[in-house]
Every structure is written in C-alpha cells, then in structure tokens.
Amino acid sequence: MEFLLAGAAALHTVALLPGAWNPPTLAHLAMSEAALSWADGAVLVLPRAFPHKAAEGAPLQQRAEWLVRVAQSRPGLSVAWSDGGLFVEMAREARQATGAGRVLLVCGTDAAERIVGWDYGAGDCIDRQLEEYELLVAPRQSAYEPPAHLAPRIHTLRLGDGWHDVSSSEVRARIAAHMEWESLVPSELHESVRTAY
C-alpha cells in the first residue's frame, strides 16, 4: 500500500474504503467519515487494478488526485494506492503499512452481497478472509443481513438518509444526459469532473 496522503501510520484500528472513484461522490465521503466512529483513521483506497471490472472513465492518476484533494480538508482521512484489488489483499497491505491490529473494510450492501456470495474456488473462502478483516456495510436500498456464522465480523455502518441513490454511475449518467450532477460531488472537484466526463 502506497500512501499519497499520509495520516494512517501506527493506528490500532483502520477503516479502508476501496473504490473505483469514477468520480468520488458525497456518499463516498459520508461513508468514510462515518467509519471514523469505528476506527482511528480511514483510508480512501484506489486499487491499481480492478479484479471484477475494467478501468473505464477518468484515468486512475486523475482519480488519485481527486482523492487527495477531498481528503486534505477532512481530518482523519488518508489516501493510498493498493497493489491488490481484493479486500483480503488490501487488508494485508494496510496491516503491514500501518501496524493496525484491526482492519475494517467499508462497502455498500451490494458489494457485501457480492463478496460474501463470491465463488472463491480453491482460494481464501470468505470465512477465512473475515479472520483477517471485518466488513462495515453501509445500507444501499436495503440493509445487509449476513449469514449467522459471519455476523460477528460484519457490522452495519449507520448513515443518514439521502445517500441510497448517490453513486459514481449516477453522476456519469447525469453528466451524459446534461442533467444536474454537482449536488452529488464534492464542490472542490466540480470543474475537474466536468472536464473529465
């Protein structure tokens, strides 16, 4: 894990918010800031490669610059590249980079369902992975109900109302349709996002 904006060194508990950040939204920031009630620091993580989708849209370097820009003015947030694209890989990188004893991976309901239900083949099954990290799940449309045997390692991240429909794909769709999108994106990124899409 390579930090672009430090602030996560020597933490007991660290929350990681990985994403494509294509572009960052106010919902992303609400999740990361809510995660600070669980952790000593939160890291906005940009994987160098995505395991389940192609990198389309804004260049990765530009997304990294966006993350640094929004995190600079928000105490407790850091930004880092991750070499691994899987949650377990990011957790291992973060533990090594920060010395954290507890690692929380922040995601939405849709991602939690995908991660827990994924066919890992001969690799680390989700049960073994959750021995290395915990999930902190923000409701998206509905709350996530984990399998009973995993429930002690999967927690609900409480967010206020109004974030369920805010996503990067919604921002891109609104831009393409020439609709208002600025209310979904941090104000300091408006001009750059407008140019990128």
N, C-alpha and C. Protein backbone atom coordinates (compact mmCIF):
# COMPACT_ATOMS: atom_id res chain seq x y z
N MET A 1 0.86 -1.18 0.00
CA MET A 1 0.00 0.00 0.00
C MET A 1 0.89 1.23 0.00
N GLU A 2 0.66 2.10 -0.96
CA GLU A 2 1.46 3.32 -1.11
C GLU A 2 0.59 4.52 -0.76
N PHE A 3 0.97 5.24 0.29
CA PHE A 3 0.17 6.38 0.73
C PHE A 3 0.50 7.62 -0.09
N LEU A 4 -0.55 8.26 -0.60
CA LEU A 4 -0.41 9.52 -1.31
C LEU A 4 -0.66 10.69 -0.38
N LEU A 5 -1.47 10.45 0.62
CA LEU A 5 -1.72 11.42 1.68
C LEU A 5 -1.71 10.65 2.97
N ALA A 6 -0.69 10.88 3.79
CA ALA A 6 -0.50 10.10 5.00
C ALA A 6 -1.43 10.56 6.09
N GLY A 7 -1.36 9.84 7.20
CA GLY A 7 -2.22 10.14 8.32
C GLY A 7 -2.73 8.87 8.94
N ALA A 8 -2.30 7.72 8.38
CA ALA A 8 -2.77 6.44 8.87
C ALA A 8 -1.64 5.60 9.45
N ALA A 9 -0.58 6.23 9.89
CA ALA A 9 0.53 5.48 10.45
C ALA A 9 0.26 5.11 11.91
N ALA A 10 0.70 3.94 12.29
CA ALA A 10 0.62 3.48 13.68
C ALA A 10 -0.79 3.58 14.26
N LEU A 11 -1.75 3.00 13.57
CA LEU A 11 -3.13 3.01 14.02
C LEU A 11 -3.48 1.67 14.67
N HIS A 12 -4.31 1.71 15.68
CA HIS A 12 -4.81 0.46 16.27
C HIS A 12 -5.89 -0.13 15.37
N THR A 13 -6.82 0.71 14.92
CA THR A 13 -7.90 0.28 14.05
C THR A 13 -7.94 1.19 12.83
N VAL A 14 -7.99 0.59 11.63
CA VAL A 14 -8.04 1.37 10.41
C VAL A 14 -9.23 0.90 9.58
N ALA A 15 -9.94 1.87 9.00
CA ALA A 15 -11.05 1.58 8.09
C ALA A 15 -10.59 1.88 6.67
N LEU A 16 -10.80 0.95 5.77
CA LEU A 16 -10.44 1.11 4.37
C LEU A 16 -11.71 1.26 3.55
N LEU A 17 -11.75 2.28 2.72
CA LEU A 17 -12.86 2.45 1.79
C LEU A 17 -12.32 2.35 0.38
N PRO A 18 -12.32 1.15 -0.19
CA PRO A 18 -11.83 0.98 -1.55
C PRO A 18 -12.91 1.30 -2.56
N GLY A 19 -12.50 1.76 -3.71
CA GLY A 19 -13.48 2.05 -4.75
C GLY A 19 -12.81 2.41 -6.05
N ALA A 20 -13.65 2.52 -7.09
CA ALA A 20 -13.16 2.96 -8.39
C ALA A 20 -13.07 4.49 -8.44
N TRP A 21 -13.89 5.17 -7.62
CA TRP A 21 -13.83 6.63 -7.50
C TRP A 21 -13.96 7.30 -8.87
N ASN A 22 -14.99 6.92 -9.61
CA ASN A 22 -15.12 7.30 -11.01
C ASN A 22 -16.40 8.09 -11.27
N PRO A 23 -16.60 9.28 -10.63
CA PRO A 23 -15.73 10.04 -9.73
C PRO A 23 -16.12 9.83 -8.27
N PRO A 24 -15.36 10.43 -7.32
CA PRO A 24 -15.76 10.40 -5.91
C PRO A 24 -17.08 11.16 -5.73
N THR A 25 -17.91 10.68 -4.80
CA THR A 25 -19.19 11.33 -4.53
C THR A 25 -19.28 11.73 -3.06
N LEU A 26 -20.29 12.52 -2.75
CA LEU A 26 -20.53 12.89 -1.37
C LEU A 26 -20.95 11.68 -0.54
N ALA A 27 -21.56 10.68 -1.16
CA ALA A 27 -21.91 9.46 -0.44
C ALA A 27 -20.66 8.71 -0.01
N HIS A 28 -19.65 8.65 -0.89
CA HIS A 28 -18.37 8.04 -0.52
C HIS A 28 -17.79 8.72 0.73
N LEU A 29 -17.82 10.05 0.71
CA LEU A 29 -17.24 10.78 1.84
C LEU A 29 -18.06 10.60 3.11
N ALA A 30 -19.38 10.52 2.97
CA ALA A 30 -20.22 10.27 4.14
C ALA A 30 -19.89 8.92 4.76
N MET A 31 -19.65 7.91 3.92
CA MET A 31 -19.28 6.59 4.41
C MET A 31 -17.93 6.62 5.12
N SER A 32 -16.96 7.30 4.51
CA SER A 32 -15.62 7.33 5.11
C SER A 32 -15.62 8.09 6.43
N GLU A 33 -16.37 9.17 6.49
CA GLU A 33 -16.42 9.94 7.73
C GLU A 33 -17.20 9.21 8.82
N ALA A 34 -18.25 8.46 8.43
CA ALA A 34 -18.98 7.64 9.41
C ALA A 34 -18.09 6.52 9.94
N ALA A 35 -17.20 6.02 9.09
CA ALA A 35 -16.30 4.94 9.51
C ALA A 35 -15.33 5.40 10.60
N LEU A 36 -15.10 6.71 10.69
CA LEU A 36 -14.19 7.21 11.72
C LEU A 36 -14.75 7.01 13.13
N SER A 37 -16.04 6.74 13.26
CA SER A 37 -16.58 6.42 14.58
C SER A 37 -16.22 4.99 14.99
N TRP A 38 -15.71 4.21 14.05
CA TRP A 38 -15.28 2.84 14.31
C TRP A 38 -13.76 2.70 14.36
N ALA A 39 -13.05 3.66 13.78
CA ALA A 39 -11.61 3.49 13.57
C ALA A 39 -10.85 4.77 13.92
N ASP A 40 -9.54 4.61 14.10
CA ASP A 40 -8.66 5.74 14.38
C ASP A 40 -8.38 6.57 13.14
N GLY A 41 -8.53 5.96 11.97
CA GLY A 41 -8.30 6.65 10.71
C GLY A 41 -8.99 5.88 9.59
N ALA A 42 -9.34 6.61 8.53
CA ALA A 42 -9.97 5.98 7.36
C ALA A 42 -9.12 6.28 6.14
N VAL A 43 -8.96 5.27 5.29
CA VAL A 43 -8.13 5.39 4.10
C VAL A 43 -8.99 5.20 2.86
N LEU A 44 -8.97 6.19 1.98
CA LEU A 44 -9.61 6.08 0.68
C LEU A 44 -8.63 5.33 -0.21
N VAL A 45 -9.01 4.13 -0.63
CA VAL A 45 -8.09 3.24 -1.33
C VAL A 45 -8.46 3.13 -2.81
N LEU A 46 -7.47 3.34 -3.65
CA LEU A 46 -7.64 3.18 -5.10
C LEU A 46 -6.77 2.00 -5.56
N PRO A 47 -7.39 0.88 -5.94
CA PRO A 47 -6.60 -0.25 -6.45
C PRO A 47 -5.97 0.10 -7.80
N ARG A 48 -4.76 -0.40 -8.00
CA ARG A 48 -4.09 -0.16 -9.29
C ARG A 48 -4.75 -0.98 -10.40
N ALA A 49 -5.42 -2.08 -10.03
CA ALA A 49 -6.16 -2.91 -10.98
C ALA A 49 -7.42 -3.40 -10.29
N PHE A 50 -8.49 -3.49 -11.06
CA PHE A 50 -9.77 -3.92 -10.51
C PHE A 50 -10.01 -5.38 -10.88
N PRO A 51 -10.30 -6.24 -9.90
CA PRO A 51 -10.44 -7.66 -10.19
C PRO A 51 -11.71 -8.03 -10.93
N HIS A 52 -12.76 -7.22 -10.81
CA HIS A 52 -14.05 -7.62 -11.36
C HIS A 52 -14.58 -6.68 -12.43
N LYS A 53 -13.80 -5.65 -12.79
CA LYS A 53 -14.27 -4.75 -13.84
C LYS A 53 -13.08 -4.02 -14.46
N ALA A 54 -13.28 -3.57 -15.69
CA ALA A 54 -12.24 -2.83 -16.39
C ALA A 54 -12.23 -1.38 -15.88
N ALA A 55 -11.06 -0.77 -15.94
CA ALA A 55 -10.93 0.63 -15.53
C ALA A 55 -11.33 1.52 -16.71
N GLU A 56 -12.56 2.03 -16.66
CA GLU A 56 -13.05 2.93 -17.70
C GLU A 56 -13.32 4.29 -17.08
N GLY A 57 -13.39 5.30 -17.93
CA GLY A 57 -13.68 6.64 -17.42
C GLY A 57 -12.41 7.44 -17.21
N ALA A 58 -12.41 8.22 -16.14
CA ALA A 58 -11.26 9.08 -15.86
C ALA A 58 -10.01 8.24 -15.59
N PRO A 59 -8.83 8.72 -16.02
CA PRO A 59 -7.59 7.98 -15.75
C PRO A 59 -7.37 7.78 -14.25
N LEU A 60 -6.73 6.68 -13.89
CA LEU A 60 -6.51 6.37 -12.47
C LEU A 60 -5.73 7.47 -11.76
N GLN A 61 -4.75 8.05 -12.43
CA GLN A 61 -3.96 9.11 -11.81
C GLN A 61 -4.84 10.31 -11.45
N GLN A 62 -5.78 10.63 -12.31
CA GLN A 62 -6.68 11.74 -12.02
C GLN A 62 -7.58 11.42 -10.83
N ARG A 63 -8.05 10.18 -10.75
CA ARG A 63 -8.88 9.77 -9.61
C ARG A 63 -8.08 9.87 -8.31
N ALA A 64 -6.81 9.49 -8.37
CA ALA A 64 -5.96 9.60 -7.18
C ALA A 64 -5.82 11.06 -6.77
N GLU A 65 -5.66 11.96 -7.73
CA GLU A 65 -5.55 13.39 -7.43
C GLU A 65 -6.85 13.91 -6.81
N TRP A 66 -8.00 13.42 -7.30
CA TRP A 66 -9.28 13.82 -6.71
C TRP A 66 -9.36 13.40 -5.25
N LEU A 67 -8.93 12.18 -4.97
CA LEU A 67 -9.00 11.68 -3.59
C LEU A 67 -8.13 12.51 -2.65
N VAL A 68 -6.94 12.83 -3.09
CA VAL A 68 -6.05 13.66 -2.27
C VAL A 68 -6.70 15.02 -2.02
N ARG A 69 -7.29 15.59 -3.05
CA ARG A 69 -7.90 16.91 -2.91
C ARG A 69 -9.03 16.90 -1.88
N VAL A 70 -9.90 15.87 -1.91
CA VAL A 70 -11.02 15.86 -0.97
C VAL A 70 -10.58 15.46 0.44
N ALA A 71 -9.55 14.62 0.54
CA ALA A 71 -9.12 14.16 1.87
C ALA A 71 -8.32 15.22 2.62
N GLN A 72 -7.66 16.11 1.90
CA GLN A 72 -6.80 17.13 2.54
C GLN A 72 -7.56 17.99 3.54
N SER A 73 -8.82 18.26 3.26
CA SER A 73 -9.58 19.14 4.13
C SER A 73 -10.49 18.39 5.11
N ARG A 74 -10.30 17.07 5.20
CA ARG A 74 -11.16 16.27 6.07
C ARG A 74 -10.29 15.48 7.05
N PRO A 75 -10.25 15.92 8.31
CA PRO A 75 -9.39 15.25 9.30
C PRO A 75 -9.72 13.77 9.44
N GLY A 76 -8.65 12.99 9.59
CA GLY A 76 -8.82 11.56 9.79
C GLY A 76 -8.77 10.74 8.52
N LEU A 77 -8.81 11.40 7.34
CA LEU A 77 -8.80 10.68 6.08
C LEU A 77 -7.41 10.66 5.47
N SER A 78 -7.07 9.52 4.90
CA SER A 78 -5.82 9.34 4.16
C SER A 78 -6.17 8.79 2.79
N VAL A 79 -5.19 8.74 1.90
CA VAL A 79 -5.38 8.22 0.55
C VAL A 79 -4.22 7.29 0.23
N ALA A 80 -4.54 6.16 -0.40
CA ALA A 80 -3.47 5.21 -0.75
C ALA A 80 -3.81 4.43 -2.01
N TRP A 81 -2.75 4.07 -2.73
CA TRP A 81 -2.85 3.08 -3.80
C TRP A 81 -2.79 1.70 -3.15
N SER A 82 -3.48 0.74 -3.73
CA SER A 82 -3.35 -0.65 -3.32
C SER A 82 -2.89 -1.47 -4.51
N ASP A 83 -1.91 -2.34 -4.29
CA ASP A 83 -1.47 -3.22 -5.37
C ASP A 83 -2.48 -4.33 -5.61
N GLY A 84 -3.12 -4.79 -4.54
CA GLY A 84 -4.13 -5.84 -4.66
C GLY A 84 -5.50 -5.25 -4.87
N GLY A 85 -6.36 -5.97 -5.57
CA GLY A 85 -7.70 -5.49 -5.81
C GLY A 85 -8.76 -6.17 -4.96
N LEU A 86 -8.39 -7.26 -4.28
CA LEU A 86 -9.33 -7.97 -3.42
C LEU A 86 -9.26 -7.43 -2.00
N PHE A 87 -10.37 -7.51 -1.29
CA PHE A 87 -10.42 -6.98 0.07
C PHE A 87 -9.35 -7.60 0.96
N VAL A 88 -9.16 -8.90 0.86
CA VAL A 88 -8.17 -9.55 1.73
C VAL A 88 -6.76 -9.05 1.42
N GLU A 89 -6.48 -8.77 0.15
CA GLU A 89 -5.17 -8.24 -0.22
C GLU A 89 -4.98 -6.84 0.34
N MET A 90 -6.01 -6.01 0.25
CA MET A 90 -5.92 -4.66 0.79
C MET A 90 -5.75 -4.70 2.31
N ALA A 91 -6.47 -5.60 2.97
CA ALA A 91 -6.35 -5.70 4.43
C ALA A 91 -4.93 -6.06 4.82
N ARG A 92 -4.32 -6.98 4.11
CA ARG A 92 -2.94 -7.38 4.42
C ARG A 92 -1.97 -6.24 4.17
N GLU A 93 -2.18 -5.51 3.06
CA GLU A 93 -1.31 -4.36 2.77
C GLU A 93 -1.44 -3.29 3.85
N ALA A 94 -2.68 -3.03 4.25
CA ALA A 94 -2.92 -1.98 5.25
C ALA A 94 -2.32 -2.36 6.60
N ARG A 95 -2.46 -3.61 6.98
CA ARG A 95 -1.90 -4.05 8.26
C ARG A 95 -0.38 -3.88 8.25
N GLN A 96 0.24 -4.22 7.14
CA GLN A 96 1.69 -4.09 7.04
C GLN A 96 2.11 -2.62 7.03
N ALA A 97 1.35 -1.78 6.33
CA ALA A 97 1.72 -0.37 6.20
C ALA A 97 1.46 0.45 7.46
N THR A 98 0.42 0.09 8.22
CA THR A 98 0.01 0.92 9.35
C THR A 98 0.27 0.28 10.71
N GLY A 99 0.48 -1.03 10.72
CA GLY A 99 0.63 -1.72 12.00
C GLY A 99 -0.68 -1.92 12.73
N ALA A 100 -1.81 -1.67 12.04
CA ALA A 100 -3.13 -1.80 12.67
C ALA A 100 -3.40 -3.23 13.08
N GLY A 101 -3.96 -3.39 14.26
CA GLY A 101 -4.36 -4.71 14.72
C GLY A 101 -5.73 -5.09 14.23
N ARG A 102 -6.55 -4.08 13.91
CA ARG A 102 -7.91 -4.33 13.43
C ARG A 102 -8.12 -3.57 12.14
N VAL A 103 -8.61 -4.28 11.11
CA VAL A 103 -8.85 -3.67 9.80
C VAL A 103 -10.33 -3.86 9.44
N LEU A 104 -10.97 -2.75 9.12
CA LEU A 104 -12.37 -2.76 8.69
C LEU A 104 -12.43 -2.37 7.22
N LEU A 105 -13.15 -3.14 6.41
CA LEU A 105 -13.36 -2.81 5.01
C LEU A 105 -14.76 -2.25 4.87
N VAL A 106 -14.86 -1.03 4.37
CA VAL A 106 -16.15 -0.34 4.25
C VAL A 106 -16.70 -0.56 2.85
N CYS A 107 -17.97 -0.92 2.77
CA CYS A 107 -18.60 -1.13 1.47
C CYS A 107 -20.11 -0.95 1.60
N GLY A 108 -20.81 -1.00 0.48
CA GLY A 108 -22.26 -0.93 0.48
C GLY A 108 -22.86 -2.33 0.48
N THR A 109 -24.18 -2.39 0.64
CA THR A 109 -24.88 -3.67 0.67
C THR A 109 -24.59 -4.50 -0.57
N ASP A 110 -24.60 -3.87 -1.75
CA ASP A 110 -24.37 -4.61 -2.99
C ASP A 110 -23.00 -5.27 -3.01
N ALA A 111 -21.99 -4.56 -2.55
CA ALA A 111 -20.64 -5.13 -2.51
C ALA A 111 -20.54 -6.25 -1.48
N ALA A 112 -21.18 -6.07 -0.32
CA ALA A 112 -21.14 -7.12 0.71
C ALA A 112 -21.78 -8.40 0.20
N GLU A 113 -22.90 -8.28 -0.48
CA GLU A 113 -23.56 -9.46 -1.04
C GLU A 113 -22.66 -10.17 -2.05
N ARG A 114 -21.98 -9.37 -2.87
CA ARG A 114 -21.09 -9.94 -3.88
C ARG A 114 -19.89 -10.64 -3.23
N ILE A 115 -19.30 -9.99 -2.21
CA ILE A 115 -18.11 -10.53 -1.56
C ILE A 115 -18.42 -11.82 -0.80
N VAL A 116 -19.50 -11.81 -0.04
CA VAL A 116 -19.86 -12.98 0.76
C VAL A 116 -20.33 -14.12 -0.13
N GLY A 117 -21.01 -13.80 -1.23
CA GLY A 117 -21.54 -14.85 -2.10
C GLY A 117 -20.61 -15.30 -3.21
N TRP A 118 -19.42 -14.70 -3.30
CA TRP A 118 -18.49 -15.00 -4.39
C TRP A 118 -17.97 -16.43 -4.31
N ASP A 119 -17.78 -17.06 -5.47
CA ASP A 119 -17.18 -18.39 -5.53
C ASP A 119 -15.67 -18.22 -5.59
N TYR A 120 -15.00 -18.45 -4.46
CA TYR A 120 -13.56 -18.24 -4.37
C TYR A 120 -12.75 -19.44 -4.84
N GLY A 121 -13.42 -20.52 -5.25
CA GLY A 121 -12.71 -21.70 -5.73
C GLY A 121 -11.79 -22.24 -4.64
N ALA A 122 -10.54 -22.47 -5.02
CA ALA A 122 -9.57 -23.03 -4.07
C ALA A 122 -8.89 -21.96 -3.23
N GLY A 123 -9.19 -20.68 -3.49
CA GLY A 123 -8.55 -19.60 -2.75
C GLY A 123 -9.15 -19.42 -1.36
N ASP A 124 -8.81 -18.30 -0.74
CA ASP A 124 -9.35 -17.99 0.59
C ASP A 124 -10.87 -17.90 0.53
N CYS A 125 -11.56 -18.74 1.29
CA CYS A 125 -13.01 -18.59 1.36
C CYS A 125 -13.32 -17.40 2.25
N ILE A 126 -14.55 -16.90 2.17
CA ILE A 126 -14.90 -15.70 2.90
C ILE A 126 -14.75 -15.91 4.41
N ASP A 127 -15.00 -17.12 4.90
CA ASP A 127 -14.85 -17.39 6.34
C ASP A 127 -13.43 -17.12 6.79
N ARG A 128 -12.45 -17.60 6.02
CA ARG A 128 -11.04 -17.39 6.38
C ARG A 128 -10.64 -15.93 6.19
N GLN A 129 -11.17 -15.30 5.13
CA GLN A 129 -10.84 -13.90 4.90
C GLN A 129 -11.29 -13.03 6.07
N LEU A 130 -12.48 -13.30 6.59
CA LEU A 130 -13.02 -12.49 7.67
C LEU A 130 -12.32 -12.73 9.00
N GLU A 131 -11.36 -13.63 9.03
CA GLU A 131 -10.48 -13.73 10.18
C GLU A 131 -9.41 -12.63 10.12
N GLU A 132 -9.19 -12.07 8.92
CA GLU A 132 -8.16 -11.04 8.72
C GLU A 132 -8.72 -9.63 8.71
N TYR A 133 -9.99 -9.49 8.42
CA TYR A 133 -10.62 -8.18 8.42
C TYR A 133 -12.10 -8.34 8.76
N GLU A 134 -12.75 -7.19 9.01
CA GLU A 134 -14.18 -7.17 9.24
C GLU A 134 -14.83 -6.29 8.19
N LEU A 135 -16.09 -6.54 7.91
CA LEU A 135 -16.83 -5.69 6.97
C LEU A 135 -17.65 -4.67 7.73
N LEU A 136 -17.68 -3.47 7.22
CA LEU A 136 -18.50 -2.39 7.75
C LEU A 136 -19.40 -1.97 6.58
N VAL A 137 -20.67 -2.35 6.65
CA VAL A 137 -21.56 -2.27 5.49
C VAL A 137 -22.57 -1.13 5.62
N ALA A 138 -22.53 -0.23 4.64
CA ALA A 138 -23.49 0.87 4.57
C ALA A 138 -24.71 0.41 3.78
N PRO A 139 -25.91 0.58 4.31
CA PRO A 139 -27.11 0.17 3.57
C PRO A 139 -27.24 0.92 2.25
N ARG A 140 -27.53 0.18 1.19
CA ARG A 140 -27.83 0.78 -0.12
C ARG A 140 -29.14 0.15 -0.58
N GLN A 141 -30.20 0.91 -0.55
CA GLN A 141 -31.56 0.46 -0.83
C GLN A 141 -32.12 -0.41 0.30
N SER A 142 -31.30 -1.34 0.81
CA SER A 142 -31.75 -2.19 1.92
C SER A 142 -30.55 -2.52 2.80
N ALA A 143 -30.82 -2.90 4.04
CA ALA A 143 -29.75 -3.29 4.96
C ALA A 143 -29.26 -4.68 4.59
N TYR A 144 -28.00 -4.93 4.86
CA TYR A 144 -27.43 -6.24 4.58
C TYR A 144 -27.61 -7.15 5.78
N GLU A 145 -28.12 -8.35 5.53
CA GLU A 145 -28.29 -9.36 6.58
C GLU A 145 -27.27 -10.46 6.34
N PRO A 146 -26.18 -10.50 7.12
CA PRO A 146 -25.15 -11.52 6.87
C PRO A 146 -25.60 -12.90 7.35
N PRO A 147 -24.98 -13.95 6.81
CA PRO A 147 -25.22 -15.28 7.36
C PRO A 147 -24.87 -15.28 8.85
N ALA A 148 -25.61 -16.04 9.63
CA ALA A 148 -25.47 -16.01 11.09
C ALA A 148 -24.04 -16.27 11.55
N HIS A 149 -23.35 -17.20 10.91
CA HIS A 149 -22.00 -17.56 11.37
C HIS A 149 -20.97 -16.47 11.07
N LEU A 150 -21.32 -15.52 10.16
CA LEU A 150 -20.40 -14.42 9.84
C LEU A 150 -20.78 -13.12 10.53
N ALA A 151 -21.94 -13.10 11.15
CA ALA A 151 -22.47 -11.85 11.73
C ALA A 151 -21.52 -11.16 12.71
N PRO A 152 -20.73 -11.89 13.52
CA PRO A 152 -19.82 -11.19 14.44
C PRO A 152 -18.72 -10.39 13.74
N ARG A 153 -18.48 -10.65 12.44
CA ARG A 153 -17.42 -9.97 11.70
C ARG A 153 -17.96 -8.99 10.67
N ILE A 154 -19.29 -8.83 10.62
CA ILE A 154 -19.92 -7.94 9.65
C ILE A 154 -20.83 -6.98 10.40
N HIS A 155 -20.58 -5.68 10.27
CA HIS A 155 -21.29 -4.67 11.04
C HIS A 155 -22.01 -3.69 10.11
N THR A 156 -23.01 -3.01 10.65
CA THR A 156 -23.75 -2.01 9.88
C THR A 156 -23.15 -0.63 10.13
N LEU A 157 -22.89 0.09 9.05
CA LEU A 157 -22.40 1.45 9.12
C LEU A 157 -23.60 2.38 9.00
N ARG A 158 -23.88 3.10 10.05
CA ARG A 158 -25.06 3.97 10.07
C ARG A 158 -24.78 5.27 9.32
N LEU A 159 -25.63 5.54 8.34
CA LEU A 159 -25.56 6.79 7.58
C LEU A 159 -26.91 7.48 7.68
N GLY A 160 -26.91 8.78 7.47
CA GLY A 160 -28.17 9.50 7.42
C GLY A 160 -28.92 9.15 6.14
N ASP A 161 -30.15 9.60 6.05
CA ASP A 161 -30.94 9.36 4.84
C ASP A 161 -30.39 10.20 3.69
N GLY A 162 -30.77 9.81 2.49
CA GLY A 162 -30.44 10.61 1.32
C GLY A 162 -29.25 10.13 0.52
N TRP A 163 -28.58 9.05 0.95
CA TRP A 163 -27.38 8.59 0.25
C TRP A 163 -27.62 7.37 -0.63
N HIS A 164 -28.78 6.76 -0.53
CA HIS A 164 -29.02 5.48 -1.22
C HIS A 164 -28.85 5.56 -2.73
N ASP A 165 -29.23 6.67 -3.32
CA ASP A 165 -29.19 6.77 -4.78
C ASP A 165 -28.00 7.56 -5.31
N VAL A 166 -27.07 7.91 -4.43
CA VAL A 166 -25.90 8.67 -4.84
C VAL A 166 -24.77 7.70 -5.17
N SER A 167 -24.34 7.72 -6.42
CA SER A 167 -23.27 6.82 -6.85
C SER A 167 -22.49 7.46 -7.99
N SER A 168 -21.31 6.91 -8.24
CA SER A 168 -20.50 7.40 -9.36
C SER A 168 -21.21 7.18 -10.69
N SER A 169 -21.87 6.03 -10.83
CA SER A 169 -22.57 5.75 -12.09
C SER A 169 -23.72 6.72 -12.30
N GLU A 170 -24.38 7.13 -11.22
CA GLU A 170 -25.45 8.13 -11.33
C GLU A 170 -24.88 9.47 -11.78
N VAL A 171 -23.72 9.84 -11.23
CA VAL A 171 -23.07 11.09 -11.65
C VAL A 171 -22.76 11.04 -13.15
N ARG A 172 -22.15 9.95 -13.59
CA ARG A 172 -21.80 9.84 -15.01
C ARG A 172 -23.04 9.86 -15.90
N ALA A 173 -24.10 9.19 -15.45
CA ALA A 173 -25.34 9.18 -16.24
C ALA A 173 -25.94 10.57 -16.34
N ARG A 174 -25.92 11.31 -15.24
CA ARG A 174 -26.46 12.67 -15.27
C ARG A 174 -25.63 13.58 -16.18
N ILE A 175 -24.33 13.44 -16.11
CA ILE A 175 -23.47 14.26 -16.97
C ILE A 175 -23.77 13.95 -18.44
N ALA A 176 -23.88 12.66 -18.77
CA ALA A 176 -24.16 12.26 -20.15
C ALA A 176 -25.50 12.78 -20.63
N ALA A 177 -26.47 12.88 -19.70
CA ALA A 177 -27.81 13.35 -20.06
C ALA A 177 -27.96 14.87 -19.91
N HIS A 178 -26.87 15.55 -19.60
CA HIS A 178 -26.87 17.01 -19.40
C HIS A 178 -27.84 17.42 -18.29
N MET A 179 -27.85 16.62 -17.22
CA MET A 179 -28.68 16.90 -16.05
C MET A 179 -27.80 17.41 -14.92
N GLU A 180 -28.41 17.96 -13.90
CA GLU A 180 -27.67 18.46 -12.73
C GLU A 180 -27.01 17.29 -12.01
N TRP A 181 -25.72 17.42 -11.74
CA TRP A 181 -24.97 16.36 -11.06
C TRP A 181 -24.12 16.92 -9.92
N GLU A 182 -23.93 18.21 -9.90
CA GLU A 182 -22.99 18.83 -8.96
C GLU A 182 -23.35 18.56 -7.50
N SER A 183 -24.64 18.39 -7.20
CA SER A 183 -25.05 18.16 -5.81
C SER A 183 -24.62 16.80 -5.29
N LEU A 184 -24.08 15.94 -6.15
CA LEU A 184 -23.65 14.60 -5.75
C LEU A 184 -22.14 14.50 -5.54
N VAL A 185 -21.41 15.55 -5.91
CA VAL A 185 -19.94 15.50 -5.95
C VAL A 185 -19.37 16.61 -5.07
N PRO A 186 -18.26 16.34 -4.36
CA PRO A 186 -17.63 17.40 -3.56
C PRO A 186 -17.35 18.64 -4.41
N SER A 187 -17.66 19.81 -3.85
CA SER A 187 -17.58 21.04 -4.63
C SER A 187 -16.19 21.31 -5.18
N GLU A 188 -15.14 20.91 -4.45
CA GLU A 188 -13.79 21.18 -4.92
C GLU A 188 -13.41 20.39 -6.17
N LEU A 189 -14.26 19.43 -6.56
CA LEU A 189 -13.97 18.62 -7.75
C LEU A 189 -14.82 19.00 -8.95
N HIS A 190 -15.75 19.91 -8.80
CA HIS A 190 -16.71 20.18 -9.86
C HIS A 190 -16.05 20.48 -11.20
N GLU A 191 -15.12 21.39 -11.23
CA GLU A 191 -14.53 21.81 -12.51
C GLU A 191 -13.75 20.66 -13.14
N SER A 192 -13.00 19.93 -12.34
CA SER A 192 -12.20 18.83 -12.87
C SER A 192 -13.08 17.68 -13.36
N VAL A 193 -14.14 17.37 -12.63
CA VAL A 193 -15.05 16.29 -13.05
C VAL A 193 -15.78 16.70 -14.33
N ARG A 194 -16.18 17.96 -14.41
CA ARG A 194 -16.86 18.44 -15.61
C ARG A 194 -15.97 18.25 -16.84
N THR A 195 -14.69 18.54 -16.68
CA THR A 195 -13.74 18.38 -17.79
C THR A 195 -13.49 16.92 -18.14
N ALA A 196 -13.46 16.06 -17.13
CA ALA A 196 -13.11 14.65 -17.33
C ALA A 196 -14.20 13.87 -18.06
N TYR A 197 -15.47 14.27 -17.86
CA TYR A 197 -16.56 13.50 -18.45
C TYR A 197 -17.33 14.28 -19.51
